[in-house]
Protein backbone atom coordinates (compact mmCIF):
# COMPACT_ATOMS: atom_id res chain seq x y z
CA MET A 1 65.45 -57.50 38.42
CA PHE A 2 63.75 -60.61 40.32
CA MET A 3 66.07 -63.34 39.31
CA GLU A 4 69.28 -60.90 40.40
CA LYS A 5 67.66 -60.82 43.72
CA ILE A 6 66.93 -64.29 43.96
CA LEU A 7 70.90 -65.05 42.54
CA ALA A 8 71.71 -62.32 45.84
CA LEU A 9 69.93 -64.44 48.29
CA MET A 10 71.40 -67.39 47.00
CA GLY A 11 74.68 -66.06 47.39
CA ASP A 12 78.11 -66.29 45.02
CA VAL A 13 77.23 -68.00 42.33
CA PRO A 14 79.83 -68.59 39.43
CA VAL A 15 79.40 -66.91 36.18
CA GLN A 16 78.39 -70.38 34.19
CA PHE A 17 75.92 -71.34 36.79
CA TYR A 18 74.09 -68.34 35.57
CA PRO A 19 71.71 -69.91 32.74
CA VAL A 20 70.60 -72.52 35.19
CA CYS A 21 69.75 -70.21 37.39
CA TYR A 22 67.97 -68.39 35.15
CA ALA A 23 65.98 -71.54 33.37
CA PHE A 24 65.10 -72.76 37.67
CA GLY A 25 63.56 -69.45 38.52
CA PHE A 26 61.66 -69.26 35.43
CA ILE A 27 60.81 -72.70 36.41
CA ALA A 28 59.88 -72.04 39.66
CA PHE A 29 57.99 -68.32 38.71
CA LEU A 30 55.83 -70.22 36.24
CA TRP A 31 55.27 -73.17 38.90
CA ILE A 32 53.92 -70.42 41.27
CA VAL A 33 51.31 -68.81 38.99
CA ASP A 34 50.26 -72.02 37.53
CA LYS A 35 49.33 -72.77 41.55
CA PHE A 36 47.53 -69.09 42.24
CA PHE A 37 45.93 -69.96 39.01
CA HIS A 38 44.51 -73.42 40.23
CA ILE A 39 43.78 -71.52 43.51
CA PHE A 40 41.71 -69.06 42.04
CA VAL A 41 39.76 -71.11 39.68
CA SER A 42 38.96 -73.12 42.51
CA LEU A 43 38.01 -70.56 44.38
CA ILE A 44 35.40 -69.35 41.79
CA ASP A 45 34.09 -72.58 40.45
CA ARG A 46 33.07 -73.73 44.22
CA ARG A 47 29.57 -75.35 44.05
C-alpha cells in the first residue's frame, strides 16, 4: 500500500524497475524509522 502510493507519485515507472523501486522504498522507510528512533532515544536520554 505504501509503496504503491510512492510509485504513483513518481509517475509511470516501467515494470522492470519495480523491484528497484521497492528496494529503495524499503531502504528509505528503514532510514526514516531509524531517524525517528534516534530522535526518540535522544529525547529520553537527555541528562
